[in-house]
Amino acid sequence: MLRPRIPTMPTPTGIVTPLAVQPTRIEQQHSAPACTCQHTPSAAHVPAPAPARPAVQMTPGTLLALVAGGAGVVLVVGAVLVSMLLAVAVTAASVAVCALVVRSLLNNPRKRF
């Protein structure tokens, strides 16, 4: 009575059937009317050619601006990295000095006042 029912897996047949898609009301209302002109079917489905995009043209001024901007970025990033490295070095040196002072205080207990 309370036993769960385990569904059985269907056996694969190798045939794939697509699902039927019903058009919605909006698609039915806005569908294009059938073409009544006399042309060949192959010419009706040829898309119009896309307009050609103009190539990007590099003038000497824009090229100079790009080079100057890139050099500026490299200099700023380099200065930031060097300042961070300097900050780490100063911190490490101050910690080392503090460690030496604490060690010298702990090793010579007789010389304390």
PDB file of N, CA and C in Angstrom:
ATOM      1  N   MET A   1       0.819  -1.186   0.000  1.00  0.00           N
ATOM      2  CA  MET A   1       0.000   0.000   0.000  1.00  0.00           C
ATOM      3  C   MET A   1       0.869   1.257   0.000  1.00  0.00           C
ATOM      4  N   LEU A   2       1.890   1.315   0.836  1.00  0.00           N
ATOM      5  CA  LEU A   2       2.755   2.482   0.905  1.00  0.00           C
ATOM      6  C   LEU A   2       4.085   2.278   0.196  1.00  0.00           C
ATOM      7  N   ARG A   3       4.171   1.316  -0.660  1.00  0.00           N
ATOM      8  CA  ARG A   3       5.421   1.065  -1.366  1.00  0.00           C
ATOM      9  C   ARG A   3       5.598   2.076  -2.493  1.00  0.00           C
ATOM     10  N   PRO A   4       6.806   2.609  -2.639  1.00  0.00           N
ATOM     11  CA  PRO A   4       7.026   3.546  -3.747  1.00  0.00           C
ATOM     12  C   PRO A   4       7.080   2.804  -5.075  1.00  0.00           C
ATOM     13  N   ARG A   5       6.561   3.450  -6.092  1.00  0.00           N
ATOM     14  CA  ARG A   5       6.591   2.847  -7.422  1.00  0.00           C
ATOM     15  C   ARG A   5       7.782   3.407  -8.183  1.00  0.00           C
ATOM     16  N   ILE A   6       8.606   2.529  -8.681  1.00  0.00           N
ATOM     17  CA  ILE A   6       9.782   2.931  -9.440  1.00  0.00           C
ATOM     18  C   ILE A   6       9.417   2.893 -10.915  1.00  0.00           C
ATOM     19  N   PRO A   7       9.576   4.017 -11.609  1.00  0.00           N
ATOM     20  CA  PRO A   7       9.221   4.004 -13.028  1.00  0.00           C
ATOM     21  C   PRO A   7      10.234   3.196 -13.827  1.00  0.00           C
ATOM     22  N   THR A   8       9.766   2.558 -14.854  1.00  0.00           N
ATOM     23  CA  THR A   8      10.658   1.779 -15.715  1.00  0.00           C
ATOM     24  C   THR A   8      11.174   2.687 -16.813  1.00  0.00           C
ATOM     25  N   MET A   9      12.423   2.486 -17.187  1.00  0.00           N
ATOM     26  CA  MET A   9      13.043   3.281 -18.239  1.00  0.00           C
ATOM     27  C   MET A   9      12.597   2.754 -19.601  1.00  0.00           C
ATOM     28  N   PRO A  10      12.242   3.640 -20.510  1.00  0.00           N
ATOM     29  CA  PRO A  10      11.878   3.162 -21.846  1.00  0.00           C
ATOM     30  C   PRO A  10      13.130   2.691 -22.587  1.00  0.00           C
ATOM     31  N   THR A  11      12.951   1.724 -23.441  1.00  0.00           N
ATOM     32  CA  THR A  11      14.086   1.215 -24.210  1.00  0.00           C
ATOM     33  C   THR A  11      14.360   2.166 -25.365  1.00  0.00           C
ATOM     34  N   PRO A  12      15.626   2.524 -25.593  1.00  0.00           N
ATOM     35  CA  PRO A  12      15.942   3.440 -26.695  1.00  0.00           C
ATOM     36  C   PRO A  12      15.753   2.763 -28.043  1.00  0.00           C
ATOM     37  N   THR A  13      15.136   3.488 -28.965  1.00  0.00           N
ATOM     38  CA  THR A  13      14.895   2.940 -30.293  1.00  0.00           C
ATOM     39  C   THR A  13      15.828   3.544 -31.331  1.00  0.00           C
ATOM     40  N   GLY A  14      16.480   4.664 -31.014  1.00  0.00           N
ATOM     41  CA  GLY A  14      17.364   5.307 -31.967  1.00  0.00           C
ATOM     42  C   GLY A  14      16.644   6.305 -32.850  1.00  0.00           C
ATOM     43  N   ILE A  15      15.332   6.408 -32.736  1.00  0.00           N
ATOM     44  CA  ILE A  15      14.558   7.349 -33.542  1.00  0.00           C
ATOM     45  C   ILE A  15      14.242   8.556 -32.674  1.00  0.00           C
ATOM     46  N   VAL A  16      14.602   9.729 -33.180  1.00  0.00           N
ATOM     47  CA  VAL A  16      14.343  10.957 -32.452  1.00  0.00           C
ATOM     48  C   VAL A  16      13.199  11.688 -33.137  1.00  0.00           C
ATOM     49  N   THR A  17      12.144  11.946 -32.387  1.00  0.00           N
ATOM     50  CA  THR A  17      11.013  12.675 -32.949  1.00  0.00           C
ATOM     51  C   THR A  17      10.972  14.054 -32.311  1.00  0.00           C
ATOM     52  N   PRO A  18      10.956  15.114 -33.127  1.00  0.00           N
ATOM     53  CA  PRO A  18      10.901  16.466 -32.552  1.00  0.00           C
ATOM     54  C   PRO A  18       9.524  16.744 -31.968  1.00  0.00           C
ATOM     55  N   LEU A  19       9.521  17.598 -30.962  1.00  0.00           N
ATOM     56  CA  LEU A  19       8.262  17.991 -30.359  1.00  0.00           C
ATOM     57  C   LEU A  19       7.512  18.924 -31.297  1.00  0.00           C
ATOM     58  N   ALA A  20       6.199  18.814 -31.314  1.00  0.00           N
ATOM     59  CA  ALA A  20       5.387  19.690 -32.147  1.00  0.00           C
ATOM     60  C   ALA A  20       5.236  21.026 -31.434  1.00  0.00           C
ATOM     61  N   VAL A  21       5.560  22.111 -32.130  1.00  0.00           N
ATOM     62  CA  VAL A  21       5.460  23.439 -31.549  1.00  0.00           C
ATOM     63  C   VAL A  21       4.265  24.132 -32.166  1.00  0.00           C
ATOM     64  N   GLN A  22       3.342  24.528 -31.321  1.00  0.00           N
ATOM     65  CA  GLN A  22       2.154  25.226 -31.794  1.00  0.00           C
ATOM     66  C   GLN A  22       2.435  26.727 -31.817  1.00  0.00           C
ATOM     67  N   PRO A  23       2.133  27.431 -32.903  1.00  0.00           N
ATOM     68  CA  PRO A  23       2.369  28.880 -32.931  1.00  0.00           C
ATOM     69  C   PRO A  23       1.416  29.586 -31.971  1.00  0.00           C
ATOM     70  N   THR A  24       1.905  30.610 -31.350  1.00  0.00           N
ATOM     71  CA  THR A  24       1.082  31.369 -30.418  1.00  0.00           C
ATOM     72  C   THR A  24       0.138  32.286 -31.177  1.00  0.00           C
ATOM     73  N   ARG A  25      -0.789  32.912 -30.460  1.00  0.00           N
ATOM     74  CA  ARG A  25      -1.751  33.798 -31.086  1.00  0.00           C
ATOM     75  C   ARG A  25      -1.071  35.001 -31.733  1.00  0.00           C
ATOM     76  N   ILE A  26      -0.020  35.498 -31.079  1.00  0.00           N
ATOM     77  CA  ILE A  26       0.688  36.658 -31.616  1.00  0.00           C
ATOM     78  C   ILE A  26       1.385  36.294 -32.924  1.00  0.00           C
ATOM     79  N   GLU A  27       2.001  35.119 -32.966  1.00  0.00           N
ATOM     80  CA  GLU A  27       2.667  34.691 -34.192  1.00  0.00           C
ATOM     81  C   GLU A  27       1.654  34.485 -35.322  1.00  0.00           C
ATOM     82  N   GLN A  28       0.465  34.012 -34.985  1.00  0.00           N
ATOM     83  CA  GLN A  28      -0.546  33.805 -36.012  1.00  0.00           C
ATOM     84  C   GLN A  28      -1.060  35.132 -36.549  1.00  0.00           C
ATOM     85  N   GLN A  29      -1.190  36.133 -35.675  1.00  0.00           N
ATOM     86  CA  GLN A  29      -1.702  37.425 -36.125  1.00  0.00           C
ATOM     87  C   GLN A  29      -0.684  38.185 -36.955  1.00  0.00           C
ATOM     88  N   HIS A  30       0.598  38.082 -36.616  1.00  0.00           N
ATOM     89  CA  HIS A  30       1.626  38.870 -37.276  1.00  0.00           C
ATOM     90  C   HIS A  30       2.367  38.096 -38.365  1.00  0.00           C
ATOM     91  N   SER A  31       1.847  36.977 -38.772  1.00  0.00           N
ATOM     92  CA  SER A  31       2.546  36.241 -39.825  1.00  0.00           C
ATOM     93  C   SER A  31       2.383  36.982 -41.147  1.00  0.00           C
ATOM     94  N   ALA A  32       3.404  36.890 -41.988  1.00  0.00           N
ATOM     95  CA  ALA A  32       3.407  37.593 -43.264  1.00  0.00           C
ATOM     96  C   ALA A  32       2.460  36.884 -44.231  1.00  0.00           C
ATOM     97  N   PRO A  33       1.763  37.635 -45.060  1.00  0.00           N
ATOM     98  CA  PRO A  33       0.883  36.989 -46.050  1.00  0.00           C
ATOM     99  C   PRO A  33       1.713  36.269 -47.106  1.00  0.00           C
ATOM    100  N   ALA A  34       1.100  35.315 -47.733  1.00  0.00           N
ATOM    101  CA  ALA A  34       1.793  34.540 -48.759  1.00  0.00           C
ATOM    102  C   ALA A  34       2.130  35.447 -49.938  1.00  0.00           C
ATOM    103  N   CYS A  35       3.264  35.190 -50.532  1.00  0.00           N
ATOM    104  CA  CYS A  35       3.727  35.991 -51.659  1.00  0.00           C
ATOM    105  C   CYS A  35       2.951  35.582 -52.906  1.00  0.00           C
ATOM    106  N   THR A  36       2.412  36.573 -53.613  1.00  0.00           N
ATOM    107  CA  THR A  36       1.638  36.274 -54.826  1.00  0.00           C
ATOM    108  C   THR A  36       2.372  36.670 -56.101  1.00  0.00           C
ATOM    109  N   CYS A  37       3.593  37.140 -55.986  1.00  0.00           N
ATOM    110  CA  CYS A  37       4.331  37.551 -57.179  1.00  0.00           C
ATOM    111  C   CYS A  37       4.904  36.328 -57.898  1.00  0.00           C
ATOM    112  N   GLN A  38       5.323  36.538 -59.151  1.00  0.00           N
ATOM    113  CA  GLN A  38       5.818  35.446 -59.984  1.00  0.00           C
ATOM    114  C   GLN A  38       7.343  35.477 -60.041  1.00  0.00           C
ATOM    115  N   HIS A  39       8.001  34.861 -59.074  1.00  0.00           N
ATOM    116  CA  HIS A  39       9.461  34.763 -59.115  1.00  0.00           C
ATOM    117  C   HIS A  39       9.856  33.354 -58.714  1.00  0.00           C
ATOM    118  N   THR A  40      11.127  33.074 -58.907  1.00  0.00           N
ATOM    119  CA  THR A  40      11.601  31.730 -58.590  1.00  0.00           C
ATOM    120  C   THR A  40      11.729  31.584 -57.086  1.00  0.00           C
ATOM    121  N   PRO A  41      11.490  30.404 -56.539  1.00  0.00           N
ATOM    122  CA  PRO A  41      11.569  30.219 -55.088  1.00  0.00           C
ATOM    123  C   PRO A  41      12.969  30.427 -54.531  1.00  0.00           C
ATOM    124  N   SER A  42      13.999  30.146 -55.318  1.00  0.00           N
ATOM    125  CA  SER A  42      15.356  30.296 -54.786  1.00  0.00           C
ATOM    126  C   SER A  42      15.722  31.763 -54.612  1.00  0.00           C
ATOM    127  N   ALA A  43      15.186  32.649 -55.460  1.00  0.00           N
ATOM    128  CA  ALA A  43      15.499  34.065 -55.356  1.00  0.00           C
ATOM    129  C   ALA A  43      14.761  34.714 -54.186  1.00  0.00           C
ATOM    130  N   ALA A  44      13.682  34.111 -53.729  1.00  0.00           N
ATOM    131  CA  ALA A  44      12.905  34.700 -52.640  1.00  0.00           C
ATOM    132  C   ALA A  44      13.632  34.583 -51.303  1.00  0.00           C
ATOM    133  N   HIS A  45      14.489  33.627 -51.151  1.00  0.00           N
ATOM    134  CA  HIS A  45      15.127  33.389 -49.868  1.00  0.00           C
ATOM    135  C   HIS A  45      16.573  33.873 -49.799  1.00  0.00           C
ATOM    136  N   VAL A  46      16.997  34.653 -50.779  1.00  0.00           N
ATOM    137  CA  VAL A  46      18.359  35.176 -50.765  1.00  0.00           C
ATOM    138  C   VAL A  46      18.368  36.452 -49.934  1.00  0.00           C
ATOM    139  N   PRO A  47      19.141  36.502 -48.852  1.00  0.00           N
ATOM    140  CA  PRO A  47      19.166  37.721 -48.036  1.00  0.00           C
ATOM    141  C   PRO A  47      19.936  38.826 -48.737  1.00  0.00           C
ATOM    142  N   ALA A  48      19.594  40.040 -48.386  1.00  0.00           N
ATOM    143  CA  ALA A  48      20.286  41.191 -48.959  1.00  0.00           C
ATOM    144  C   ALA A  48      21.709  41.242 -48.397  1.00  0.00           C
ATOM    145  N   PRO A  49      22.675  41.667 -49.206  1.00  0.00           N
ATOM    146  CA  PRO A  49      24.054  41.712 -48.697  1.00  0.00           C
ATOM    147  C   PRO A  49      24.195  42.770 -47.608  1.00  0.00           C
ATOM    148  N   ALA A  50      24.971  42.442 -46.619  1.00  0.00           N
ATOM    149  CA  ALA A  50      25.198  43.367 -45.506  1.00  0.00           C
ATOM    150  C   ALA A  50      26.103  44.504 -45.965  1.00  0.00           C
ATOM    151  N   PRO A  51      25.864  45.718 -45.468  1.00  0.00           N
ATOM    152  CA  PRO A  51      26.732  46.824 -45.875  1.00  0.00           C
ATOM    153  C   PRO A  51      28.143  46.619 -45.328  1.00  0.00           C
ATOM    154  N   ALA A  52      29.115  46.963 -46.157  1.00  0.00           N
ATOM    155  CA  ALA A  52      30.510  46.765 -45.765  1.00  0.00           C
ATOM    156  C   ALA A  52      30.882  47.774 -44.689  1.00  0.00           C
ATOM    157  N   ARG A  53      31.563  47.325 -43.663  1.00  0.00           N
ATOM    158  CA  ARG A  53      32.019  48.217 -42.603  1.00  0.00           C
ATOM    159  C   ARG A  53      33.317  48.882 -43.019  1.00  0.00           C
ATOM    160  N   PRO A  54      33.464  50.153 -42.697  1.00  0.00           N
ATOM    161  CA  PRO A  54      34.736  50.798 -43.033  1.00  0.00           C
ATOM    162  C   PRO A  54      35.843  50.297 -42.107  1.00  0.00           C
ATOM    163  N   ALA A  55      37.026  50.154 -42.652  1.00  0.00           N
ATOM    164  CA  ALA A  55      38.163  49.693 -41.862  1.00  0.00           C
ATOM    165  C   ALA A  55      38.600  50.801 -40.897  1.00  0.00           C
ATOM    166  N   VAL A  56      39.146  50.403 -39.748  1.00  0.00           N
ATOM    167  CA  VAL A  56      39.644  51.378 -38.788  1.00  0.00           C
ATOM    168  C   VAL A  56      40.936  51.954 -39.336  1.00  0.00           C
ATOM    169  N   GLN A  57      40.967  53.255 -39.464  1.00  0.00           N
ATOM    170  CA  GLN A  57      42.146  53.898 -40.022  1.00  0.00           C
ATOM    171  C   GLN A  57      42.946  54.547 -38.914  1.00  0.00           C
ATOM    172  N   MET A  58      44.213  54.204 -38.860  1.00  0.00           N
ATOM    173  CA  MET A  58      45.099  54.744 -37.836  1.00  0.00           C
ATOM    174  C   MET A  58      45.872  55.912 -38.423  1.00  0.00           C
ATOM    175  N   THR A  59      45.609  57.084 -37.903  1.00  0.00           N
ATOM    176  CA  THR A  59      46.375  58.259 -38.327  1.00  0.00           C
ATOM    177  C   THR A  59      47.598  58.377 -37.421  1.00  0.00           C
ATOM    178  N   PRO A  60      48.590  59.117 -37.815  1.00  0.00           N
ATOM    179  CA  PRO A  60      49.772  59.268 -36.953  1.00  0.00           C
ATOM    180  C   PRO A  60      49.430  59.843 -35.571  1.00  0.00           C
ATOM    181  N   GLY A  61      48.416  60.699 -35.499  1.00  0.00           N
ATOM    182  CA  GLY A  61      48.025  61.275 -34.212  1.00  0.00           C
ATOM    183  C   GLY A  61      47.438  60.238 -33.278  1.00  0.00           C
ATOM    184  N   THR A  62      46.551  59.378 -33.811  1.00  0.00           N
ATOM    185  CA  THR A  62      45.962  58.343 -32.954  1.00  0.00           C
ATOM    186  C   THR A  62      47.003  57.313 -32.552  1.00  0.00           C
ATOM    187  N   LEU A  63      47.918  56.996 -33.465  1.00  0.00           N
ATOM    188  CA  LEU A  63      48.975  56.046 -33.129  1.00  0.00           C
ATOM    189  C   LEU A  63      49.874  56.603 -32.031  1.00  0.00           C
ATOM    190  N   LEU A  64      50.198  57.880 -32.116  1.00  0.00           N
ATOM    191  CA  LEU A  64      51.022  58.515 -31.088  1.00  0.00           C
ATOM    192  C   LEU A  64      50.285  58.556 -29.753  1.00  0.00           C
ATOM    193  N   ALA A  65      48.988  58.807 -29.772  1.00  0.00           N
ATOM    194  CA  ALA A  65      48.196  58.829 -28.541  1.00  0.00           C
ATOM    195  C   ALA A  65      48.142  57.446 -27.899  1.00  0.00           C
ATOM    196  N   LEU A  66      47.990  56.407 -28.712  1.00  0.00           N
ATOM    197  CA  LEU A  66      47.968  55.043 -28.175  1.00  0.00           C
ATOM    198  C   LEU A  66      49.306  54.667 -27.544  1.00  0.00           C
ATOM    199  N   VAL A  67      50.400  55.018 -28.192  1.00  0.00           N
ATOM    200  CA  VAL A  67      51.725  54.706 -27.656  1.00  0.00           C
ATOM    201  C   VAL A  67      51.963  55.464 -26.357  1.00  0.00           C
ATOM    202  N   ALA A  68      51.582  56.747 -26.321  1.00  0.00           N
ATOM    203  CA  ALA A  68      51.778  57.546 -25.110  1.00  0.00           C
ATOM    204  C   ALA A  68      50.904  57.026 -23.976  1.00  0.00           C
ATOM    205  N   GLY A  69      49.677  56.635 -24.281  1.00  0.00           N
ATOM    206  CA  GLY A  69      48.798  56.082 -23.257  1.00  0.00           C
ATOM    207  C   GLY A  69      49.317  54.768 -22.705  1.00  0.00           C
ATOM    208  N   GLY A  70      49.807  53.908 -23.582  1.00  0.00           N
ATOM    209  CA  GLY A  70      50.367  52.632 -23.125  1.00  0.00           C
ATOM    210  C   GLY A  70      51.598  52.832 -22.262  1.00  0.00           C
ATOM    211  N   ALA A  71      52.470  53.765 -22.666  1.00  0.00           N
ATOM    212  CA  ALA A  71      53.665  54.041 -21.867  1.00  0.00           C
ATOM    213  C   ALA A  71      53.285  54.620 -20.510  1.00  0.00           C
ATOM    214  N   GLY A  72      52.272  55.468 -20.478  1.00  0.00           N
ATOM    215  CA  GLY A  72      51.819  56.031 -19.206  1.00  0.00           C
ATOM    216  C   GLY A  72      51.271  54.970 -18.278  1.00  0.00           C
ATOM    217  N   VAL A  73      50.502  54.043 -18.827  1.00  0.00           N
ATOM    218  CA  VAL A  73      49.962  52.949 -18.004  1.00  0.00           C
ATOM    219  C   VAL A  73      51.086  52.093 -17.451  1.00  0.00           C
ATOM    220  N   VAL A  74      52.071  51.776 -18.276  1.00  0.00           N
ATOM    221  CA  VAL A  74      53.196  50.963 -17.820  1.00  0.00           C
ATOM    222  C   VAL A  74      53.961  51.675 -16.707  1.00  0.00           C
ATOM    223  N   LEU A  75      54.176  52.981 -16.854  1.00  0.00           N
ATOM    224  CA  LEU A  75      54.900  53.723 -15.816  1.00  0.00           C
ATOM    225  C   LEU A  75      54.122  53.789 -14.507  1.00  0.00           C
ATOM    226  N   VAL A  76      52.821  54.002 -14.587  1.00  0.00           N
ATOM    227  CA  VAL A  76      52.012  54.084 -13.360  1.00  0.00           C
ATOM    228  C   VAL A  76      51.969  52.734 -12.651  1.00  0.00           C
ATOM    229  N   VAL A  77      51.745  51.667 -13.410  1.00  0.00           N
ATOM    230  CA  VAL A  77      51.704  50.328 -12.795  1.00  0.00           C
ATOM    231  C   VAL A  77      53.066  49.981 -12.202  1.00  0.00           C
ATOM    232  N   GLY A  78      54.144  50.322 -12.878  1.00  0.00           N
ATOM    233  CA  GLY A  78      55.480  50.056 -12.345  1.00  0.00           C
ATOM    234  C   GLY A  78      55.737  50.825 -11.065  1.00  0.00           C
ATOM    235  N   ALA A  79      55.335  52.091 -11.018  1.00  0.00           N
ATOM    236  CA  ALA A  79      55.533  52.889  -9.800  1.00  0.00           C
ATOM    237  C   ALA A  79      54.743  52.319  -8.635  1.00  0.00           C
ATOM    238  N   VAL A  80      53.523  51.873  -8.885  1.00  0.00           N
ATOM    239  CA  VAL A  80      52.705  51.282  -7.809  1.00  0.00           C
ATOM    240  C   VAL A  80      53.348  49.998  -7.297  1.00  0.00           C
ATOM    241  N   LEU A  81      53.809  49.154  -8.208  1.00  0.00           N
ATOM    242  CA  LEU A  81      54.435  47.894  -7.781  1.00  0.00           C
ATOM    243  C   LEU A  81      55.728  48.136  -7.010  1.00  0.00           C
ATOM    244  N   VAL A  82      56.543  49.079  -7.446  1.00  0.00           N
ATOM    245  CA  VAL A  82      57.788  49.378  -6.746  1.00  0.00           C
ATOM    246  C   VAL A  82      57.499  49.949  -5.363  1.00  0.00           C
ATOM    247  N   SER A  83      56.491  50.808  -5.245  1.00  0.00           N
ATOM    248  CA  SER A  83      56.163  51.370  -3.930  1.00  0.00           C
ATOM    249  C   SER A  83      55.639  50.300  -2.987  1.00  0.00           C
ATOM    250  N   MET A  84      54.875  49.342  -3.518  1.00  0.00           N
ATOM    251  CA  MET A  84      54.408  48.238  -2.661  1.00  0.00           C
ATOM    252  C   MET A  84      55.578  47.374  -2.204  1.00  0.00           C
ATOM    253  N   LEU A  85      56.517  47.106  -3.092  1.00  0.00           N
ATOM    254  CA  LEU A  85      57.694  46.324  -2.714  1.00  0.00           C
ATOM    255  C   LEU A  85      58.518  47.063  -1.674  1.00  0.00           C
ATOM    256  N   LEU A  86      58.657  48.371  -1.817  1.00  0.00           N
ATOM    257  CA  LEU A  86      59.391  49.177  -0.840  1.00  0.00           C
ATOM    258  C   LEU A  86      58.690  49.154   0.516  1.00  0.00           C
ATOM    259  N   ALA A  87      57.366  49.221   0.524  1.00  0.00           N
ATOM    260  CA  ALA A  87      56.624  49.164   1.783  1.00  0.00           C
ATOM    261  C   ALA A  87      56.833  47.829   2.479  1.00  0.00           C
ATOM    262  N   VAL A  88      56.843  46.745   1.735  1.00  0.00           N
ATOM    263  CA  VAL A  88      57.078  45.423   2.324  1.00  0.00           C
ATOM    264  C   VAL A  88      58.495  45.335   2.881  1.00  0.00           C
ATOM    265  N   ALA A  89      59.469  45.886   2.162  1.00  0.00           N
ATOM    266  CA  ALA A  89      60.860  45.838   2.630  1.00  0.00           C
ATOM    267  C   ALA A  89      61.038  46.647   3.910  1.00  0.00           C
ATOM    268  N   VAL A  90      60.440  47.828   3.993  1.00  0.00           N
ATOM    269  CA  VAL A  90      60.555  48.659   5.198  1.00  0.00           C
ATOM    270  C   VAL A  90      59.888  47.964   6.386  1.00  0.00           C
ATOM    271  N   THR A  91      58.734  47.354   6.152  1.00  0.00           N
ATOM    272  CA  THR A  91      58.046  46.640   7.226  1.00  0.00           C
ATOM    273  C   THR A  91      58.878  45.463   7.713  1.00  0.00           C
ATOM    274  N   ALA A  92      59.474  44.713   6.797  1.00  0.00           N
ATOM    275  CA  ALA A  92      60.301  43.577   7.189  1.00  0.00           C
ATOM    276  C   ALA A  92      61.515  44.032   7.984  1.00  0.00           C
ATOM    277  N   ALA A  93      62.133  45.133   7.584  1.00  0.00           N
ATOM    278  CA  ALA A  93      63.300  45.641   8.319  1.00  0.00           C
ATOM    279  C   ALA A  93      62.918  46.091   9.720  1.00  0.00           C
ATOM    280  N   SER A  94      61.768  46.749   9.863  1.00  0.00           N
ATOM    281  CA  SER A  94      61.368  47.198  11.194  1.00  0.00           C
ATOM    282  C   SER A  94      61.006  46.023  12.087  1.00  0.00           C
ATOM    283  N   VAL A  95      60.398  44.994  11.545  1.00  0.00           N
ATOM    284  CA  VAL A  95      60.102  43.788  12.344  1.00  0.00           C
ATOM    285  C   VAL A  95      61.396  43.106  12.762  1.00  0.00           C
ATOM    286  N   ALA A  96      62.386  43.087  11.878  1.00  0.00           N
ATOM    287  CA  ALA A  96      63.673  42.466  12.236  1.00  0.00           C
ATOM    288  C   ALA A  96      64.361  43.240  13.355  1.00  0.00           C
ATOM    289  N   VAL A  97      64.313  44.566  13.301  1.00  0.00           N
ATOM    290  CA  VAL A  97      64.919  45.372  14.366  1.00  0.00           C
ATOM    291  C   VAL A  97      64.197  45.135  15.690  1.00  0.00           C
ATOM    292  N   CYS A  98      62.880  45.082  15.653  1.00  0.00           N
ATOM    293  CA  CYS A  98      62.119  44.807  16.885  1.00  0.00           C
ATOM    294  C   CYS A  98      62.458  43.430  17.444  1.00  0.00           C
ATOM    295  N   ALA A  99      62.623  42.452  16.574  1.00  0.00           N
ATOM    296  CA  ALA A  99      62.977  41.104  17.039  1.00  0.00           C
ATOM    297  C   ALA A  99      64.353  41.101  17.699  1.00  0.00           C
ATOM    298  N   LEU A 100      65.312  41.834  17.158  1.00  0.00           N
ATOM    299  CA  LEU A 100      66.641  41.907  17.766  1.00  0.00           C
ATOM    300  C   LEU A 100      66.601  42.584  19.136  1.00  0.00           C
ATOM    301  N   VAL A 101      65.804  43.625  19.251  1.00  0.00           N
ATOM    302  CA  VAL A 101      65.707  44.325  20.537  1.00  0.00           C
ATOM    303  C   VAL A 101      65.072  43.423  21.589  1.00  0.00           C
ATOM    304  N   VAL A 102      63.998  42.736  21.235  1.00  0.00           N
ATOM    305  CA  VAL A 102      63.347  41.825  22.193  1.00  0.00           C
ATOM    306  C   VAL A 102      64.283  40.694  22.559  1.00  0.00           C
ATOM    307  N   ARG A 103      65.027  40.152  21.596  1.00  0.00           N
ATOM    308  CA  ARG A 103      65.960  39.062  21.898  1.00  0.00           C
ATOM    309  C   ARG A 103      67.078  39.524  22.818  1.00  0.00           C
ATOM    310  N   SER A 104      67.584  40.726  22.578  1.00  0.00           N
ATOM    311  CA  SER A 104      68.657  41.219  23.447  1.00  0.00           C
ATOM    312  C   SER A 104      68.131  41.488  24.864  1.00  0.00           C
ATOM    313  N   LEU A 105      66.897  41.906  25.001  1.00  0.00           N
ATOM    314  CA  LEU A 105      66.325  42.123  26.335  1.00  0.00           C
ATOM    315  C   LEU A 105      66.092  40.813  27.069  1.00  0.00           C
ATOM    316  N   LEU A 106      65.717  39.785  26.351  1.00  0.00           N
ATOM    317  CA  LEU A 106      65.442  38.499  27.001  1.00  0.00           C
ATOM    318  C   LEU A 106      66.716  37.717  27.318  1.00  0.00           C
ATOM    319  N   ASN A 107      67.805  37.938  26.575  1.00  0.00           N
ATOM    320  CA  ASN A 107      69.023  37.176  26.796  1.00  0.00           C
ATOM    321  C   ASN A 107      69.872  37.747  27.922  1.00  0.00           C
ATOM    322  N   ASN A 108      69.722  38.986  28.252  1.00  0.00           N
ATOM    323  CA  ASN A 108      70.555  39.603  29.298  1.00  0.00           C
ATOM    324  C   ASN A 108      69.700  40.042  30.476  1.00  0.00           C
ATOM    325  N   PRO A 109      69.228  39.102  31.315  1.00  0.00           N
ATOM    326  CA  PRO A 109      68.356  39.508  32.416  1.00  0.00           C
ATOM    327  C   PRO A 109      69.143  40.184  33.547  1.00  0.00           C
ATOM    328  N   ARG A 110      70.443  39.983  33.660  1.00  0.00           N
ATOM    329  CA  ARG A 110      71.224  40.558  34.778  1.00  0.00           C
ATOM    330  C   ARG A 110      71.466  42.051  34.580  1.00  0.00           C
ATOM    331  N   LYS A 111      71.497  42.514  33.368  1.00  0.00           N
ATOM    332  CA  LYS A 111      71.840  43.904  33.115  1.00  0.00           C
ATOM    333  C   LYS A 111      70.621  44.823  33.190  1.00  0.00           C
ATOM    334  N   ARG A 112      69.480  44.293  33.548  1.00  0.00           N
ATOM    335  CA  ARG A 112      68.305  45.138  33.662  1.00  0.00           C
ATOM    336  C   ARG A 112      68.381  45.965  34.936  1.00  0.00           C
ATOM    337  N   PHE A 113      67.772  47.105  34.902  1.00  0.00           N
ATOM    338  CA  PHE A 113      67.805  47.980  36.067  1.00  0.00           C
ATOM    339  C   PHE A 113      66.640  47.731  36.979  1.00  0.00           C
TER     340      PHE A 113
END
